[in-house]
């Protein structure tokens, strides 16, 4: 006469292993806010030179990315956590090689001049 109810009783328990705790979310949220406010304060108060500000923003952006993956995307959780982190590090290495290689070529390409 209706749909089976066996799926409703374990709804919360079935997903609990894949989600972080409230403490984890609060820590991630606070870190995200801090990592956003620091460059904002530096830029608005002209606390660093142009190069220093850009480097600071880039470093904090990478940290912000790591916080998002770690605390909100649950990169460290699950049965494939080691493979997820390995794949992410490999992708970051490929990205670094492409970006640094491109900058190297654009900087030292004397044929184009």
C-alpha atoms as a PDB file:
ATOM      1  CA  UNK A   1       0.000   0.000   0.000  1.00  0.00           C
ATOM      2  CA  UNK A   2       2.867   2.438   0.133  1.00  0.00           C
ATOM      3  CA  UNK A   3       6.535   2.547  -0.310  1.00  0.00           C
ATOM      4  CA  UNK A   4       8.686   0.587   2.108  1.00  0.00           C
ATOM      5  CA  UNK A   5       9.841   2.600   5.088  1.00  0.00           C
ATOM      6  CA  UNK A   6      13.165   0.858   5.622  1.00  0.00           C
ATOM      7  CA  UNK A   7      14.986   3.682   3.793  1.00  0.00           C
ATOM      8  CA  UNK A   8      13.565   6.427   6.029  1.00  0.00           C
ATOM      9  CA  UNK A   9      14.706   5.074   9.383  1.00  0.00           C
ATOM     10  CA  UNK A  10      18.408   5.055   8.472  1.00  0.00           C
ATOM     11  CA  UNK A  11      18.467   8.221   6.376  1.00  0.00           C
ATOM     12  CA  UNK A  12      20.576  10.274   8.779  1.00  0.00           C
ATOM     13  CA  UNK A  13      22.763   7.377   9.864  1.00  0.00           C
ATOM     14  CA  UNK A  14      23.563   6.340   6.296  1.00  0.00           C
ATOM     15  CA  UNK A  15      25.044   9.718   5.422  1.00  0.00           C
ATOM     16  CA  UNK A  16      26.683  10.483   8.751  1.00  0.00           C
ATOM     17  CA  UNK A  17      30.006   8.880   7.836  1.00  0.00           C
ATOM     18  CA  UNK A  18      30.411  11.116   4.772  1.00  0.00           C
ATOM     19  CA  UNK A  19      29.775  14.408   6.535  1.00  0.00           C
ATOM     20  CA  UNK A  20      31.925  16.391   8.917  1.00  0.00           C
ATOM     21  CA  UNK A  21      31.061  17.318  12.440  1.00  0.00           C
ATOM     22  CA  UNK A  22      29.756  20.709  13.494  1.00  0.00           C
ATOM     23  CA  UNK A  23      33.158  21.428  15.037  1.00  0.00           C
ATOM     24  CA  UNK A  24      34.858  20.701  11.712  1.00  0.00           C
ATOM     25  CA  UNK A  25      32.482  23.009   9.838  1.00  0.00           C
ATOM     26  CA  UNK A  26      32.913  25.817  12.369  1.00  0.00           C
ATOM     27  CA  UNK A  27      36.715  25.550  12.226  1.00  0.00           C
ATOM     28  CA  UNK A  28      36.615  25.570   8.424  1.00  0.00           C
ATOM     29  CA  UNK A  29      34.246  28.537   8.387  1.00  0.00           C
ATOM     30  CA  UNK A  30      36.402  30.561  10.797  1.00  0.00           C
ATOM     31  CA  UNK A  31      39.560  29.762   8.829  1.00  0.00           C
ATOM     32  CA  UNK A  32      37.814  30.790   5.612  1.00  0.00           C
ATOM     33  CA  UNK A  33      36.751  34.103   7.125  1.00  0.00           C
ATOM     34  CA  UNK A  34      40.240  34.807   8.488  1.00  0.00           C
ATOM     35  CA  UNK A  35      41.890  33.887   5.172  1.00  0.00           C
ATOM     36  CA  UNK A  36      39.515  36.284   3.419  1.00  0.00           C
ATOM     37  CA  UNK A  37      39.839  39.183   5.870  1.00  0.00           C
ATOM     38  CA  UNK A  38      43.656  39.222   5.982  1.00  0.00           C
ATOM     39  CA  UNK A  39      44.199  40.207   2.316  1.00  0.00           C
ATOM     40  CA  UNK A  40      41.223  42.575   2.481  1.00  0.00           C
ATOM     41  CA  UNK A  41      42.781  44.461   5.402  1.00  0.00           C
ATOM     42  CA  UNK A  42      46.210  44.486   3.736  1.00  0.00           C
ATOM     43  CA  UNK A  43      44.809  45.898   0.482  1.00  0.00           C
ATOM     44  CA  UNK A  44      42.469  48.457   2.058  1.00  0.00           C
ATOM     45  CA  UNK A  45      45.153  49.819   4.402  1.00  0.00           C
ATOM     46  CA  UNK A  46      47.940  49.697   1.789  1.00  0.00           C
ATOM     47  CA  UNK A  47      50.116  47.758   4.243  1.00  0.00           C
ATOM     48  CA  UNK A  48      52.428  46.148   1.644  1.00  0.00           C
ATOM     49  CA  UNK A  49      53.880  46.964  -1.729  1.00  0.00           C
ATOM     50  CA  UNK A  50      52.244  45.753  -4.923  1.00  0.00           C
ATOM     51  CA  UNK A  51      54.400  42.633  -5.280  1.00  0.00           C
ATOM     52  CA  UNK A  52      54.067  41.687  -1.617  1.00  0.00           C
ATOM     53  CA  UNK A  53      50.307  42.139  -1.744  1.00  0.00           C
ATOM     54  CA  UNK A  54      49.992  39.945  -4.830  1.00  0.00           C
ATOM     55  CA  UNK A  55      52.168  37.234  -3.271  1.00  0.00           C
ATOM     56  CA  UNK A  56      50.150  37.388  -0.035  1.00  0.00           C
ATOM     57  CA  UNK A  57      46.858  37.110  -1.924  1.00  0.00           C
ATOM     58  CA  UNK A  58      48.126  34.134  -3.935  1.00  0.00           C
ATOM     59  CA  UNK A  59      49.421  32.307  -0.857  1.00  0.00           C
ATOM     60  CA  UNK A  60      46.205  32.890   1.081  1.00  0.00           C
ATOM     61  CA  UNK A  61      44.140  31.842  -1.951  1.00  0.00           C
ATOM     62  CA  UNK A  62      45.965  28.505  -2.037  1.00  0.00           C
ATOM     63  CA  UNK A  63      45.410  28.112   1.710  1.00  0.00           C
ATOM     64  CA  UNK A  64      41.731  28.991   1.244  1.00  0.00           C
ATOM     65  CA  UNK A  65      41.505  26.300  -1.452  1.00  0.00           C
ATOM     66  CA  UNK A  66      43.077  23.755   0.907  1.00  0.00           C
ATOM     67  CA  UNK A  67      40.689  24.711   3.733  1.00  0.00           C
ATOM     68  CA  UNK A  68      37.689  24.314   1.414  1.00  0.00           C
ATOM     69  CA  UNK A  69      38.850  20.878   0.280  1.00  0.00           C
ATOM     70  CA  UNK A  70      39.796  19.689   3.748  1.00  0.00           C
ATOM     71  CA  UNK A  71      36.878  20.934   5.836  1.00  0.00           C
ATOM     72  CA  UNK A  72      33.957  21.194   3.387  1.00  0.00           C
ATOM     73  CA  UNK A  73      34.662  18.779   0.537  1.00  0.00           C
ATOM     74  CA  UNK A  74      35.826  16.044   2.973  1.00  0.00           C
ATOM     75  CA  UNK A  75      38.958  15.232   1.033  1.00  0.00           C
ATOM     76  CA  UNK A  76      40.372  13.369   4.026  1.00  0.00           C
ATOM     77  CA  UNK A  77      37.259  11.265   4.656  1.00  0.00           C
ATOM     78  CA  UNK A  78      36.100   8.039   3.102  1.00  0.00           C
ATOM     79  CA  UNK A  79      37.703   4.820   1.991  1.00  0.00           C
ATOM     80  CA  UNK A  80      39.509   6.459  -0.950  1.00  0.00           C
ATOM     81  CA  UNK A  81      40.974   9.386   1.002  1.00  0.00           C
ATOM     82  CA  UNK A  82      44.576   8.422   0.261  1.00  0.00           C
ATOM     83  CA  UNK A  83      43.854   8.187  -3.463  1.00  0.00           C
ATOM     84  CA  UNK A  84      41.912  11.458  -3.454  1.00  0.00           C
ATOM     85  CA  UNK A  85      44.835  13.292  -1.857  1.00  0.00           C
ATOM     86  CA  UNK A  86      47.316  11.598  -4.195  1.00  0.00           C
ATOM     87  CA  UNK A  87      45.281  12.562  -7.252  1.00  0.00           C
ATOM     88  CA  UNK A  88      44.972  16.144  -6.015  1.00  0.00           C
ATOM     89  CA  UNK A  89      48.722  16.418  -5.403  1.00  0.00           C
ATOM     90  CA  UNK A  90      49.460  14.983  -8.853  1.00  0.00           C
ATOM     91  CA  UNK A  91      47.046  17.466 -10.460  1.00  0.00           C
ATOM     92  CA  UNK A  92      48.697  20.303  -8.517  1.00  0.00           C
ATOM     93  CA  UNK A  93      52.114  19.143  -9.761  1.00  0.00           C
ATOM     94  CA  UNK A  94      50.911  19.108 -13.374  1.00  0.00           C
ATOM     95  CA  UNK A  95      49.368  22.560 -12.925  1.00  0.00           C
ATOM     96  CA  UNK A  96      52.604  23.883 -11.413  1.00  0.00           C
ATOM     97  CA  UNK A  97      54.678  22.479 -14.292  1.00  0.00           C
ATOM     98  CA  UNK A  98      52.346  24.027 -16.886  1.00  0.00           C
ATOM     99  CA  UNK A  99      52.221  27.435 -15.190  1.00  0.00           C
ATOM    100  CA  UNK A 100      55.954  27.649 -14.403  1.00  0.00           C
ATOM    101  CA  UNK A 101      56.842  26.307 -17.847  1.00  0.00           C
ATOM    102  CA  UNK A 102      54.587  28.857 -19.534  1.00  0.00           C
ATOM    103  CA  UNK A 103      56.060  31.713 -17.509  1.00  0.00           C
ATOM    104  CA  UNK A 104      59.562  30.443 -18.260  1.00  0.00           C
ATOM    105  CA  UNK A 105      58.873  30.334 -22.000  1.00  0.00           C
ATOM    106  CA  UNK A 106      57.224  33.772 -22.041  1.00  0.00           C
ATOM    107  CA  UNK A 107      60.075  35.305 -20.034  1.00  0.00           C
ATOM    108  CA  UNK A 108      63.049  33.800 -21.861  1.00  0.00           C
ATOM    109  CA  UNK A 109      61.698  33.490 -25.402  1.00  0.00           C
ATOM    110  CA  UNK A 110      64.123  35.609 -27.409  1.00  0.00           C
ATOM    111  CA  UNK A 111      62.869  34.420 -30.807  1.00  0.00           C
ATOM    112  CA  UNK A 112      59.624  36.421 -30.467  1.00  0.00           C
ATOM    113  CA  UNK A 113      61.476  39.735 -29.964  1.00  0.00           C
END
